[in-house]
N, C-alpha and C. Protein backbone atom coordinates (compact mmCIF):
# COMPACT_ATOMS: atom_id res chain seq x y z
N UNK A 1 58.37 -79.59 -61.44
CA UNK A 1 57.31 -78.75 -60.87
C UNK A 1 56.17 -78.61 -61.88
N UNK A 2 54.95 -78.86 -61.43
CA UNK A 2 53.80 -78.82 -62.34
C UNK A 2 53.45 -77.39 -62.73
N UNK A 3 52.70 -77.27 -63.81
CA UNK A 3 52.27 -75.96 -64.29
C UNK A 3 51.40 -75.27 -63.24
N UNK A 4 50.54 -76.05 -62.56
CA UNK A 4 49.65 -75.47 -61.56
C UNK A 4 50.44 -74.82 -60.42
N UNK A 5 51.49 -75.49 -59.98
CA UNK A 5 52.31 -74.94 -58.89
C UNK A 5 53.05 -73.69 -59.35
N UNK A 6 53.58 -73.72 -60.58
CA UNK A 6 54.29 -72.56 -61.11
C UNK A 6 53.37 -71.34 -61.20
N UNK A 7 52.15 -71.55 -61.72
CA UNK A 7 51.19 -70.45 -61.84
C UNK A 7 50.83 -69.91 -60.46
N UNK A 8 50.62 -70.81 -59.51
CA UNK A 8 50.26 -70.40 -58.15
C UNK A 8 51.37 -69.58 -57.50
N UNK A 9 52.63 -70.00 -57.72
CA UNK A 9 53.76 -69.27 -57.15
C UNK A 9 53.91 -67.89 -57.78
N UNK A 10 53.67 -67.80 -59.10
CA UNK A 10 53.74 -66.49 -59.77
C UNK A 10 52.68 -65.56 -59.23
N UNK A 11 51.45 -66.07 -59.09
CA UNK A 11 50.36 -65.25 -58.55
C UNK A 11 50.65 -64.85 -57.11
N UNK A 12 51.19 -65.76 -56.31
CA UNK A 12 51.54 -65.44 -54.93
C UNK A 12 52.56 -64.31 -54.87
N UNK A 13 53.56 -64.35 -55.76
CA UNK A 13 54.57 -63.29 -55.80
C UNK A 13 53.96 -61.95 -56.19
N UNK A 14 53.07 -61.96 -57.19
CA UNK A 14 52.44 -60.71 -57.63
C UNK A 14 51.53 -60.13 -56.55
N UNK A 15 50.78 -61.00 -55.88
CA UNK A 15 49.90 -60.54 -54.80
C UNK A 15 50.73 -59.96 -53.66
N UNK A 16 51.81 -60.64 -53.29
CA UNK A 16 52.68 -60.17 -52.22
C UNK A 16 53.25 -58.79 -52.56
N UNK A 17 53.70 -58.61 -53.80
CA UNK A 17 54.25 -57.32 -54.21
C UNK A 17 53.19 -56.23 -54.21
N UNK A 18 51.95 -56.59 -54.60
CA UNK A 18 50.87 -55.61 -54.59
C UNK A 18 50.55 -55.13 -53.19
N UNK A 19 50.46 -56.05 -52.23
CA UNK A 19 50.19 -55.67 -50.84
C UNK A 19 51.32 -54.83 -50.28
N UNK A 20 52.55 -55.23 -50.56
CA UNK A 20 53.71 -54.47 -50.07
C UNK A 20 53.75 -53.08 -50.69
N UNK A 21 53.40 -52.96 -51.97
CA UNK A 21 53.37 -51.65 -52.63
C UNK A 21 52.37 -50.73 -51.96
N UNK A 22 51.17 -51.24 -51.69
CA UNK A 22 50.16 -50.42 -51.01
C UNK A 22 50.61 -50.03 -49.62
N UNK A 23 51.17 -50.98 -48.88
CA UNK A 23 51.68 -50.68 -47.55
C UNK A 23 52.83 -49.69 -47.58
N UNK A 24 53.70 -49.82 -48.58
CA UNK A 24 54.83 -48.90 -48.70
C UNK A 24 54.39 -47.46 -48.96
N UNK A 25 53.36 -47.28 -49.76
CA UNK A 25 52.84 -45.93 -50.02
C UNK A 25 52.36 -45.27 -48.73
N UNK A 26 51.64 -46.03 -47.91
CA UNK A 26 51.16 -45.50 -46.63
C UNK A 26 52.32 -45.22 -45.70
N UNK A 27 53.30 -46.09 -45.70
CA UNK A 27 54.49 -45.92 -44.84
C UNK A 27 55.22 -44.63 -45.19
N UNK A 28 55.26 -44.29 -46.47
CA UNK A 28 55.93 -43.06 -46.91
C UNK A 28 55.12 -41.83 -46.50
N UNK A 29 53.79 -41.91 -46.62
CA UNK A 29 52.93 -40.76 -46.32
C UNK A 29 52.78 -40.51 -44.83
N UNK A 30 52.88 -41.54 -44.01
CA UNK A 30 52.58 -41.43 -42.59
C UNK A 30 53.37 -40.33 -41.86
N UNK A 31 54.69 -40.23 -42.04
CA UNK A 31 55.44 -39.20 -41.29
C UNK A 31 55.03 -37.77 -41.66
N UNK A 32 54.50 -37.55 -42.85
CA UNK A 32 54.16 -36.20 -43.29
C UNK A 32 52.82 -35.72 -42.73
N UNK A 33 52.00 -36.63 -42.26
CA UNK A 33 50.67 -36.24 -41.79
C UNK A 33 50.67 -35.82 -40.33
N UNK A 34 51.64 -36.30 -39.56
CA UNK A 34 51.77 -35.96 -38.16
C UNK A 34 50.48 -36.19 -37.40
N UNK A 35 49.87 -35.12 -36.85
CA UNK A 35 48.67 -35.29 -36.03
C UNK A 35 47.42 -35.53 -36.86
N UNK A 36 47.52 -35.50 -38.18
CA UNK A 36 46.35 -35.74 -39.04
C UNK A 36 46.41 -37.14 -39.66
N UNK A 37 46.99 -38.06 -38.91
CA UNK A 37 47.12 -39.42 -39.40
C UNK A 37 45.77 -40.10 -39.61
N UNK A 38 44.69 -39.54 -39.01
CA UNK A 38 43.38 -40.17 -39.16
C UNK A 38 42.87 -40.11 -40.59
N UNK A 39 43.55 -39.32 -41.45
CA UNK A 39 43.16 -39.30 -42.86
C UNK A 39 43.56 -40.61 -43.56
N UNK A 40 44.53 -41.31 -43.01
CA UNK A 40 45.01 -42.54 -43.65
C UNK A 40 43.96 -43.64 -43.71
N UNK A 41 43.22 -43.91 -42.59
CA UNK A 41 42.15 -44.90 -42.72
C UNK A 41 41.11 -44.52 -43.75
N UNK A 42 40.82 -43.21 -43.85
CA UNK A 42 39.85 -42.76 -44.85
C UNK A 42 40.39 -42.97 -46.26
N UNK A 43 41.69 -42.75 -46.43
CA UNK A 43 42.31 -42.94 -47.74
C UNK A 43 42.28 -44.41 -48.14
N UNK A 44 42.83 -45.25 -47.27
CA UNK A 44 42.88 -46.68 -47.58
C UNK A 44 41.49 -47.30 -47.68
N UNK A 45 40.63 -46.97 -46.71
CA UNK A 45 39.27 -47.50 -46.73
C UNK A 45 38.48 -47.00 -47.92
N UNK A 46 38.70 -45.74 -48.30
CA UNK A 46 37.98 -45.19 -49.46
C UNK A 46 38.40 -45.86 -50.75
N UNK A 47 39.69 -46.12 -50.91
CA UNK A 47 40.17 -46.81 -52.11
C UNK A 47 39.61 -48.23 -52.16
N UNK A 48 39.62 -48.91 -51.00
CA UNK A 48 39.11 -50.27 -50.96
C UNK A 48 37.61 -50.30 -51.22
N UNK A 49 36.88 -49.31 -50.68
CA UNK A 49 35.43 -49.23 -50.94
C UNK A 49 35.17 -48.98 -52.42
N UNK A 50 36.02 -48.16 -53.04
CA UNK A 50 35.87 -47.92 -54.47
C UNK A 50 36.10 -49.18 -55.30
N UNK A 51 37.10 -49.97 -54.91
CA UNK A 51 37.34 -51.23 -55.61
C UNK A 51 36.17 -52.19 -55.44
N UNK A 52 35.58 -52.19 -54.24
CA UNK A 52 34.41 -53.04 -53.99
C UNK A 52 33.23 -52.61 -54.85
N UNK A 53 32.94 -51.30 -54.82
CA UNK A 53 31.76 -50.79 -55.50
C UNK A 53 31.85 -50.77 -57.01
N UNK A 54 33.05 -50.53 -57.53
CA UNK A 54 33.18 -50.35 -58.97
C UNK A 54 33.84 -51.53 -59.69
N UNK A 55 34.46 -52.44 -58.92
CA UNK A 55 35.15 -53.56 -59.56
C UNK A 55 34.64 -54.92 -59.07
N UNK A 56 34.81 -55.20 -57.78
CA UNK A 56 34.53 -56.53 -57.27
C UNK A 56 33.04 -56.89 -57.32
N UNK A 57 32.19 -55.99 -56.84
CA UNK A 57 30.75 -56.29 -56.82
C UNK A 57 30.19 -56.41 -58.23
N UNK A 58 30.46 -55.45 -59.15
CA UNK A 58 29.96 -55.63 -60.53
C UNK A 58 30.53 -56.89 -61.20
N UNK A 59 31.80 -57.20 -60.93
CA UNK A 59 32.41 -58.40 -61.50
C UNK A 59 31.70 -59.65 -60.98
N UNK A 60 31.39 -59.67 -59.68
CA UNK A 60 30.72 -60.82 -59.09
C UNK A 60 29.30 -60.97 -59.64
N UNK A 61 28.58 -59.85 -59.78
CA UNK A 61 27.22 -59.90 -60.30
C UNK A 61 27.21 -60.40 -61.74
N UNK A 62 28.22 -60.02 -62.51
CA UNK A 62 28.29 -60.44 -63.90
C UNK A 62 28.62 -61.92 -64.04
N UNK A 63 29.37 -62.47 -63.08
CA UNK A 63 29.85 -63.84 -63.21
C UNK A 63 29.01 -64.86 -62.43
N UNK A 64 28.32 -64.42 -61.37
CA UNK A 64 27.66 -65.36 -60.49
C UNK A 64 26.17 -65.05 -60.35
N UNK A 65 25.43 -66.03 -59.82
CA UNK A 65 24.00 -65.88 -59.60
C UNK A 65 23.75 -64.90 -58.47
N UNK A 66 22.86 -63.93 -58.69
CA UNK A 66 22.63 -62.87 -57.71
C UNK A 66 22.04 -63.42 -56.42
N UNK A 67 21.14 -64.40 -56.51
CA UNK A 67 20.55 -64.98 -55.30
C UNK A 67 21.59 -65.71 -54.46
N UNK A 68 22.49 -66.41 -55.15
CA UNK A 68 23.57 -67.09 -54.44
C UNK A 68 24.50 -66.11 -53.75
N UNK A 69 24.78 -65.00 -54.42
CA UNK A 69 25.62 -63.97 -53.83
C UNK A 69 24.96 -63.36 -52.59
N UNK A 70 23.65 -63.12 -52.68
CA UNK A 70 22.93 -62.55 -51.54
C UNK A 70 22.90 -63.52 -50.38
N UNK A 71 22.71 -64.80 -50.67
CA UNK A 71 22.71 -65.80 -49.61
C UNK A 71 24.08 -65.89 -48.94
N UNK A 72 25.13 -65.91 -49.76
CA UNK A 72 26.48 -65.95 -49.22
C UNK A 72 26.81 -64.70 -48.43
N UNK A 73 26.33 -63.54 -48.90
CA UNK A 73 26.57 -62.29 -48.19
C UNK A 73 25.91 -62.31 -46.82
N UNK A 74 24.70 -62.85 -46.74
CA UNK A 74 24.00 -62.93 -45.46
C UNK A 74 24.77 -63.80 -44.47
N UNK A 75 25.27 -64.92 -44.96
CA UNK A 75 26.06 -65.81 -44.10
C UNK A 75 27.34 -65.12 -43.66
N UNK A 76 27.99 -64.40 -44.59
CA UNK A 76 29.23 -63.71 -44.26
C UNK A 76 29.04 -62.63 -43.21
N UNK A 77 27.99 -61.82 -43.36
CA UNK A 77 27.71 -60.76 -42.40
C UNK A 77 27.43 -61.35 -41.03
N UNK A 78 26.58 -62.37 -40.99
CA UNK A 78 26.24 -63.02 -39.72
C UNK A 78 27.49 -63.57 -39.04
N UNK A 79 28.37 -64.20 -39.83
CA UNK A 79 29.57 -64.81 -39.28
C UNK A 79 30.54 -63.77 -38.74
N UNK A 80 30.74 -62.69 -39.48
CA UNK A 80 31.73 -61.71 -39.03
C UNK A 80 31.21 -60.89 -37.86
N UNK A 81 29.88 -60.72 -37.74
CA UNK A 81 29.31 -60.06 -36.57
C UNK A 81 29.56 -60.92 -35.33
N UNK A 82 29.42 -62.23 -35.47
CA UNK A 82 29.72 -63.13 -34.36
C UNK A 82 31.20 -63.04 -33.98
N UNK A 83 32.06 -63.00 -34.99
CA UNK A 83 33.50 -62.89 -34.72
C UNK A 83 33.81 -61.58 -34.02
N UNK A 84 33.17 -60.49 -34.46
CA UNK A 84 33.40 -59.18 -33.84
C UNK A 84 32.98 -59.18 -32.38
N UNK A 85 31.83 -59.78 -32.09
CA UNK A 85 31.39 -59.85 -30.70
C UNK A 85 32.34 -60.69 -29.85
N UNK A 86 32.86 -61.75 -30.45
CA UNK A 86 33.79 -62.61 -29.72
C UNK A 86 35.10 -61.89 -29.44
N UNK A 87 35.57 -61.09 -30.38
CA UNK A 87 36.87 -60.41 -30.22
C UNK A 87 36.74 -59.11 -29.45
N UNK A 88 35.50 -58.68 -29.13
CA UNK A 88 35.30 -57.38 -28.48
C UNK A 88 35.98 -57.32 -27.11
N UNK A 89 35.93 -58.43 -26.37
CA UNK A 89 36.46 -58.44 -25.01
C UNK A 89 37.84 -59.08 -24.89
N UNK A 90 38.45 -59.39 -26.04
CA UNK A 90 39.79 -59.97 -26.00
C UNK A 90 40.84 -58.89 -25.83
N UNK A 91 41.80 -59.11 -24.96
CA UNK A 91 42.88 -58.16 -24.75
C UNK A 91 44.06 -58.51 -25.66
N UNK A 92 44.69 -57.49 -26.20
CA UNK A 92 45.75 -57.70 -27.19
C UNK A 92 47.10 -57.16 -26.71
N UNK A 93 47.40 -57.39 -25.44
CA UNK A 93 48.71 -57.02 -24.89
C UNK A 93 49.07 -55.56 -25.13
N UNK A 94 48.09 -54.68 -24.96
CA UNK A 94 48.36 -53.25 -25.04
C UNK A 94 48.37 -52.67 -26.44
N UNK A 95 48.21 -53.49 -27.48
CA UNK A 95 48.20 -52.97 -28.84
C UNK A 95 46.82 -52.41 -29.16
N UNK A 96 46.75 -51.12 -29.48
CA UNK A 96 45.48 -50.47 -29.74
C UNK A 96 44.92 -50.92 -31.09
N UNK A 97 43.57 -50.96 -31.13
CA UNK A 97 42.85 -51.25 -32.38
C UNK A 97 43.26 -52.58 -33.01
N UNK A 98 43.73 -53.52 -32.19
CA UNK A 98 44.15 -54.81 -32.75
C UNK A 98 42.95 -55.58 -33.29
N UNK A 99 41.78 -55.30 -32.74
CA UNK A 99 40.58 -55.99 -33.22
C UNK A 99 40.32 -55.66 -34.69
N UNK A 100 40.55 -54.40 -35.07
CA UNK A 100 40.35 -54.00 -36.46
C UNK A 100 41.32 -54.75 -37.37
N UNK A 101 42.57 -54.88 -36.93
CA UNK A 101 43.56 -55.61 -37.72
C UNK A 101 43.14 -57.07 -37.88
N UNK A 102 42.69 -57.67 -36.79
CA UNK A 102 42.27 -59.07 -36.85
C UNK A 102 41.06 -59.25 -37.77
N UNK A 103 40.06 -58.39 -37.62
CA UNK A 103 38.86 -58.49 -38.46
C UNK A 103 39.19 -58.24 -39.93
N UNK A 104 40.07 -57.28 -40.18
CA UNK A 104 40.46 -56.99 -41.56
C UNK A 104 41.18 -58.18 -42.17
N UNK A 105 42.12 -58.75 -41.43
CA UNK A 105 42.83 -59.92 -41.93
C UNK A 105 41.86 -61.08 -42.15
N UNK A 106 40.95 -61.27 -41.21
CA UNK A 106 39.98 -62.35 -41.33
C UNK A 106 39.12 -62.17 -42.58
N UNK A 107 38.65 -60.94 -42.83
CA UNK A 107 37.83 -60.66 -44.00
C UNK A 107 38.61 -60.89 -45.29
N UNK A 108 39.85 -60.42 -45.33
CA UNK A 108 40.68 -60.61 -46.52
C UNK A 108 40.98 -62.09 -46.74
N UNK A 109 41.19 -62.83 -45.66
CA UNK A 109 41.47 -64.26 -45.77
C UNK A 109 40.26 -65.00 -46.33
N UNK A 110 39.07 -64.71 -45.78
CA UNK A 110 37.85 -65.35 -46.28
C UNK A 110 37.63 -64.97 -47.74
N UNK A 111 37.91 -63.70 -48.05
CA UNK A 111 37.71 -63.22 -49.42
C UNK A 111 38.63 -63.93 -50.41
N UNK A 112 39.80 -64.36 -49.95
CA UNK A 112 40.77 -65.01 -50.85
C UNK A 112 40.32 -66.40 -51.28
N UNK A 113 39.43 -67.02 -50.51
CA UNK A 113 39.02 -68.39 -50.83
C UNK A 113 38.23 -68.45 -52.14
N UNK A 114 37.07 -67.75 -52.24
CA UNK A 114 36.33 -67.83 -53.51
C UNK A 114 37.05 -67.15 -54.66
N UNK A 115 37.77 -66.06 -54.34
CA UNK A 115 38.50 -65.34 -55.39
C UNK A 115 39.57 -66.23 -56.00
N UNK A 116 40.34 -66.91 -55.14
CA UNK A 116 41.39 -67.78 -55.63
C UNK A 116 40.86 -68.97 -56.41
N UNK A 117 39.79 -69.59 -55.88
CA UNK A 117 39.21 -70.74 -56.56
C UNK A 117 38.66 -70.34 -57.92
N UNK A 118 37.92 -69.20 -57.95
CA UNK A 118 37.36 -68.73 -59.22
C UNK A 118 38.47 -68.39 -60.21
N UNK A 119 39.54 -67.80 -59.70
CA UNK A 119 40.66 -67.45 -60.57
C UNK A 119 41.33 -68.70 -61.11
N UNK A 120 41.47 -69.73 -60.26
CA UNK A 120 42.07 -70.97 -60.71
C UNK A 120 41.24 -71.68 -61.75
N UNK A 121 39.91 -71.64 -61.58
CA UNK A 121 39.02 -72.28 -62.54
C UNK A 121 39.09 -71.60 -63.90
N UNK A 122 39.19 -70.26 -63.88
CA UNK A 122 39.14 -69.48 -65.12
C UNK A 122 40.51 -69.04 -65.62
N UNK A 123 41.58 -69.61 -65.07
CA UNK A 123 42.92 -69.13 -65.38
C UNK A 123 43.28 -69.33 -66.84
N UNK A 124 42.68 -70.30 -67.50
CA UNK A 124 43.02 -70.56 -68.89
C UNK A 124 42.19 -69.80 -69.88
N UNK A 125 41.22 -68.99 -69.42
CA UNK A 125 40.37 -68.25 -70.34
C UNK A 125 41.11 -67.05 -70.90
N UNK A 126 40.68 -66.61 -72.06
CA UNK A 126 41.31 -65.44 -72.68
C UNK A 126 40.94 -64.16 -71.95
N UNK A 127 39.77 -64.15 -71.28
CA UNK A 127 39.36 -62.98 -70.51
C UNK A 127 40.14 -62.95 -69.21
N UNK A 128 41.00 -61.97 -69.04
CA UNK A 128 41.85 -61.88 -67.85
C UNK A 128 41.38 -60.80 -66.89
N UNK A 129 40.13 -60.36 -67.01
CA UNK A 129 39.64 -59.27 -66.17
C UNK A 129 39.65 -59.66 -64.69
N UNK A 130 39.27 -60.91 -64.39
CA UNK A 130 39.27 -61.36 -63.01
C UNK A 130 40.68 -61.33 -62.43
N UNK A 131 41.68 -61.74 -63.23
CA UNK A 131 43.06 -61.70 -62.77
C UNK A 131 43.50 -60.27 -62.51
N UNK A 132 43.15 -59.35 -63.41
CA UNK A 132 43.53 -57.94 -63.24
C UNK A 132 42.91 -57.35 -61.98
N UNK A 133 41.62 -57.62 -61.77
CA UNK A 133 40.93 -57.10 -60.59
C UNK A 133 41.55 -57.69 -59.32
N UNK A 134 41.83 -58.99 -59.35
CA UNK A 134 42.40 -59.65 -58.17
C UNK A 134 43.73 -59.04 -57.78
N UNK A 135 44.58 -58.81 -58.77
CA UNK A 135 45.91 -58.25 -58.48
C UNK A 135 45.82 -56.78 -58.11
N UNK A 136 44.93 -56.03 -58.77
CA UNK A 136 44.84 -54.59 -58.53
C UNK A 136 44.34 -54.27 -57.14
N UNK A 137 43.38 -55.03 -56.64
CA UNK A 137 42.81 -54.66 -55.35
C UNK A 137 43.70 -55.06 -54.17
N UNK A 138 44.83 -55.71 -54.44
CA UNK A 138 45.77 -55.99 -53.36
C UNK A 138 46.52 -54.74 -52.91
N UNK A 139 46.61 -53.74 -53.77
CA UNK A 139 47.27 -52.49 -53.40
C UNK A 139 46.49 -51.76 -52.30
N UNK A 140 45.18 -51.51 -52.47
CA UNK A 140 44.44 -50.88 -51.37
C UNK A 140 44.36 -51.76 -50.13
N UNK A 141 44.38 -53.09 -50.31
CA UNK A 141 44.42 -53.96 -49.14
C UNK A 141 45.69 -53.71 -48.33
N UNK A 142 46.81 -53.58 -49.02
CA UNK A 142 48.06 -53.27 -48.34
C UNK A 142 48.03 -51.91 -47.67
N UNK A 143 47.36 -50.94 -48.31
CA UNK A 143 47.23 -49.61 -47.71
C UNK A 143 46.47 -49.65 -46.40
N UNK A 144 45.36 -50.38 -46.39
CA UNK A 144 44.53 -50.47 -45.18
C UNK A 144 45.25 -51.25 -44.09
N UNK A 145 45.92 -52.33 -44.46
CA UNK A 145 46.66 -53.11 -43.47
C UNK A 145 47.75 -52.27 -42.80
N UNK A 146 48.54 -51.59 -43.61
CA UNK A 146 49.62 -50.77 -43.06
C UNK A 146 49.07 -49.63 -42.21
N UNK A 147 47.98 -49.01 -42.65
CA UNK A 147 47.36 -47.94 -41.88
C UNK A 147 46.95 -48.43 -40.50
N UNK A 148 46.27 -49.59 -40.46
CA UNK A 148 45.82 -50.14 -39.19
C UNK A 148 47.00 -50.45 -38.27
N UNK A 149 48.08 -50.97 -38.84
CA UNK A 149 49.24 -51.32 -38.03
C UNK A 149 49.95 -50.09 -37.49
N UNK A 150 50.08 -49.04 -38.33
CA UNK A 150 50.76 -47.83 -37.89
C UNK A 150 49.99 -47.12 -36.79
N UNK A 151 48.68 -47.02 -36.96
CA UNK A 151 47.86 -46.36 -35.95
C UNK A 151 47.82 -47.16 -34.66
N UNK A 152 47.84 -48.47 -34.79
CA UNK A 152 47.82 -49.34 -33.61
C UNK A 152 49.18 -49.45 -32.95
N UNK A 153 50.21 -48.91 -33.60
CA UNK A 153 51.58 -48.94 -33.09
C UNK A 153 52.07 -50.39 -32.92
N UNK A 154 51.60 -51.24 -33.82
CA UNK A 154 52.07 -52.63 -33.81
C UNK A 154 53.37 -52.72 -34.60
N UNK A 155 54.08 -53.80 -34.42
CA UNK A 155 55.35 -53.97 -35.11
C UNK A 155 55.16 -54.17 -36.62
N UNK A 156 56.08 -53.61 -37.40
CA UNK A 156 56.01 -53.75 -38.84
C UNK A 156 56.18 -55.20 -39.27
N UNK A 157 56.85 -56.00 -38.41
CA UNK A 157 57.01 -57.42 -38.74
C UNK A 157 55.66 -58.11 -38.92
N UNK A 158 54.65 -57.63 -38.20
CA UNK A 158 53.31 -58.20 -38.34
C UNK A 158 52.81 -58.01 -39.77
N UNK A 159 53.15 -56.85 -40.36
CA UNK A 159 52.72 -56.57 -41.72
C UNK A 159 53.28 -57.61 -42.69
N UNK A 160 54.57 -57.93 -42.54
CA UNK A 160 55.19 -58.91 -43.43
C UNK A 160 54.57 -60.29 -43.26
N UNK A 161 54.25 -60.63 -42.01
CA UNK A 161 53.62 -61.93 -41.75
C UNK A 161 52.23 -61.99 -42.40
N UNK A 162 51.45 -60.92 -42.24
CA UNK A 162 50.11 -60.88 -42.83
C UNK A 162 50.18 -60.91 -44.35
N UNK A 163 51.16 -60.20 -44.93
CA UNK A 163 51.34 -60.21 -46.39
C UNK A 163 51.61 -61.62 -46.88
N UNK A 164 52.52 -62.31 -46.19
CA UNK A 164 52.87 -63.67 -46.60
C UNK A 164 51.68 -64.61 -46.47
N UNK A 165 50.92 -64.48 -45.40
CA UNK A 165 49.79 -65.37 -45.18
C UNK A 165 48.68 -65.13 -46.21
N UNK A 166 48.40 -63.87 -46.52
CA UNK A 166 47.35 -63.56 -47.48
C UNK A 166 47.72 -63.99 -48.90
N UNK A 167 48.97 -63.72 -49.29
CA UNK A 167 49.41 -64.11 -50.64
C UNK A 167 49.47 -65.63 -50.76
N UNK A 168 49.91 -66.32 -49.71
CA UNK A 168 49.95 -67.78 -49.73
C UNK A 168 48.54 -68.36 -49.78
N UNK A 169 47.61 -67.76 -49.03
CA UNK A 169 46.22 -68.24 -49.02
C UNK A 169 45.61 -68.15 -50.40
N UNK A 170 45.83 -67.02 -51.08
CA UNK A 170 45.27 -66.86 -52.42
C UNK A 170 45.91 -67.86 -53.39
N UNK A 171 47.22 -68.04 -53.29
CA UNK A 171 47.91 -68.97 -54.18
C UNK A 171 47.42 -70.40 -53.99
N UNK A 172 47.20 -70.79 -52.73
CA UNK A 172 46.71 -72.14 -52.46
C UNK A 172 45.33 -72.34 -53.06
N UNK A 173 44.48 -71.34 -52.93
CA UNK A 173 43.13 -71.45 -53.48
C UNK A 173 43.13 -71.42 -55.01
N UNK A 174 44.09 -70.72 -55.61
CA UNK A 174 44.24 -70.76 -57.06
C UNK A 174 44.61 -72.17 -57.49
N UNK A 175 45.53 -72.77 -56.76
CA UNK A 175 45.93 -74.14 -57.07
C UNK A 175 44.74 -75.11 -56.95
N UNK A 176 43.96 -74.93 -55.88
CA UNK A 176 42.77 -75.78 -55.69
C UNK A 176 41.80 -75.60 -56.86
N UNK A 177 41.59 -74.35 -57.28
CA UNK A 177 40.69 -74.08 -58.39
C UNK A 177 41.17 -74.71 -59.69
N UNK A 178 42.48 -74.70 -59.92
CA UNK A 178 43.03 -75.30 -61.13
C UNK A 178 42.93 -76.82 -61.10
N UNK A 179 43.09 -77.42 -59.92
CA UNK A 179 43.02 -78.87 -59.80
C UNK A 179 41.58 -79.36 -59.79
N UNK A 180 40.70 -78.63 -59.11
CA UNK A 180 39.31 -79.02 -59.00
C UNK A 180 38.45 -78.12 -59.88
N UNK A 181 38.63 -78.20 -61.18
CA UNK A 181 37.90 -77.32 -62.10
C UNK A 181 36.45 -77.72 -62.28
N UNK A 182 36.01 -78.75 -61.52
CA UNK A 182 34.60 -79.12 -61.57
C UNK A 182 33.88 -78.70 -60.27
N UNK A 183 34.49 -77.74 -59.59
CA UNK A 183 33.91 -77.29 -58.33
C UNK A 183 32.50 -76.76 -58.55
N UNK A 184 31.64 -76.97 -57.53
CA UNK A 184 30.25 -76.57 -57.63
C UNK A 184 30.12 -75.06 -57.76
N UNK A 185 29.42 -74.57 -58.80
CA UNK A 185 29.21 -73.13 -58.95
C UNK A 185 28.46 -72.53 -57.77
N UNK A 186 27.55 -73.31 -57.18
CA UNK A 186 26.78 -72.81 -56.04
C UNK A 186 27.67 -72.53 -54.84
N UNK A 187 28.60 -73.45 -54.59
CA UNK A 187 29.52 -73.26 -53.47
C UNK A 187 30.44 -72.07 -53.72
N UNK A 188 30.97 -71.97 -54.93
CA UNK A 188 31.83 -70.84 -55.28
C UNK A 188 31.09 -69.52 -55.15
N UNK A 189 29.82 -69.49 -55.59
CA UNK A 189 29.01 -68.29 -55.51
C UNK A 189 28.78 -67.89 -54.05
N UNK A 190 28.47 -68.87 -53.21
CA UNK A 190 28.26 -68.59 -51.79
C UNK A 190 29.52 -68.03 -51.15
N UNK A 191 30.66 -68.63 -51.46
CA UNK A 191 31.92 -68.14 -50.90
C UNK A 191 32.22 -66.72 -51.39
N UNK A 192 31.95 -66.46 -52.66
CA UNK A 192 32.21 -65.13 -53.20
C UNK A 192 31.34 -64.09 -52.50
N UNK A 193 30.06 -64.40 -52.31
CA UNK A 193 29.17 -63.49 -51.60
C UNK A 193 29.64 -63.26 -50.17
N UNK A 194 30.06 -64.33 -49.50
CA UNK A 194 30.56 -64.20 -48.13
C UNK A 194 31.84 -63.37 -48.09
N UNK A 195 32.72 -63.60 -49.06
CA UNK A 195 33.98 -62.83 -49.10
C UNK A 195 33.74 -61.35 -49.31
N UNK A 196 32.84 -61.00 -50.22
CA UNK A 196 32.55 -59.59 -50.50
C UNK A 196 31.89 -58.92 -49.30
N UNK A 197 30.95 -59.62 -48.66
CA UNK A 197 30.23 -59.03 -47.54
C UNK A 197 31.13 -58.81 -46.33
N UNK A 198 32.01 -59.78 -46.04
CA UNK A 198 32.90 -59.61 -44.90
C UNK A 198 33.90 -58.48 -45.15
N UNK A 199 34.42 -58.43 -46.35
CA UNK A 199 35.35 -57.35 -46.69
C UNK A 199 34.63 -56.00 -46.68
N UNK A 200 33.40 -55.95 -47.20
CA UNK A 200 32.63 -54.72 -47.20
C UNK A 200 32.28 -54.27 -45.80
N UNK A 201 31.94 -55.21 -44.92
CA UNK A 201 31.60 -54.87 -43.54
C UNK A 201 32.77 -54.21 -42.82
N UNK A 202 33.93 -54.83 -42.93
CA UNK A 202 35.11 -54.28 -42.27
C UNK A 202 35.50 -52.93 -42.87
N UNK A 203 35.41 -52.81 -44.20
CA UNK A 203 35.79 -51.56 -44.87
C UNK A 203 34.86 -50.43 -44.49
N UNK A 204 33.56 -50.65 -44.61
CA UNK A 204 32.58 -49.58 -44.41
C UNK A 204 32.38 -49.28 -42.93
N UNK A 205 32.18 -50.34 -42.13
CA UNK A 205 31.82 -50.12 -40.73
C UNK A 205 33.05 -49.94 -39.83
N UNK A 206 33.96 -50.92 -39.85
CA UNK A 206 35.09 -50.88 -38.92
C UNK A 206 36.09 -49.79 -39.25
N UNK A 207 36.28 -49.52 -40.54
CA UNK A 207 37.31 -48.53 -40.93
C UNK A 207 36.71 -47.16 -41.18
N UNK A 208 35.82 -47.05 -42.17
CA UNK A 208 35.31 -45.74 -42.57
C UNK A 208 34.36 -45.15 -41.53
N UNK A 209 33.33 -45.89 -41.15
CA UNK A 209 32.32 -45.35 -40.25
C UNK A 209 32.91 -45.00 -38.89
N UNK A 210 33.70 -45.90 -38.31
CA UNK A 210 34.26 -45.63 -36.99
C UNK A 210 35.30 -44.51 -37.02
N UNK A 211 36.03 -44.39 -38.13
CA UNK A 211 36.99 -43.29 -38.26
C UNK A 211 36.27 -41.96 -38.34
N UNK A 212 35.22 -41.89 -39.16
CA UNK A 212 34.43 -40.65 -39.29
C UNK A 212 33.77 -40.30 -37.97
N UNK A 213 33.26 -41.32 -37.25
CA UNK A 213 32.60 -41.07 -35.97
C UNK A 213 33.56 -40.48 -34.95
N UNK A 214 34.81 -40.96 -34.95
CA UNK A 214 35.80 -40.43 -34.01
C UNK A 214 36.28 -39.04 -34.40
């Protein structure tokens, strides 16, 4: 087994545990809130918004070209608005708020592409801040995922499937970044901007704003 595969599997395991830890915290808190369960989206969304505002966005600005990030963000917002309009009229077999779960998963999946590639490219550097941020923000991701599933009354098995898919997606992109260490900085910057904007859109608008409005 190559070093690249071993590193990717280790990162996949850590990401999976981080998402499960965040989801487990929400699972423990949920029964105690009873009719005030609407605080959970605010909790998970607020933590994720904090990670975006204080960790991911400053980290991206420090590492990538600001114009490229803005261009990628514009593409990401446009794309996820189209996806939202497409999913607006889709029926989900009686599962409430399934659109939020789908959009959240889609945003996290898109976000894993540039994050994983950038992490793979820089995995050998002594500066491990990107690795720390990547692993740390999986906890609030798990919190928001579990919150959406509990409120939607969807099966917990869906949570495990989403955890596996997200951790595998990040690991695959880490492997790609390690193998293709000559990847175009412009493409990586565009993907990073798109990933941040899609995640920010779902966090601020779909989770926080709509929860507060209700």
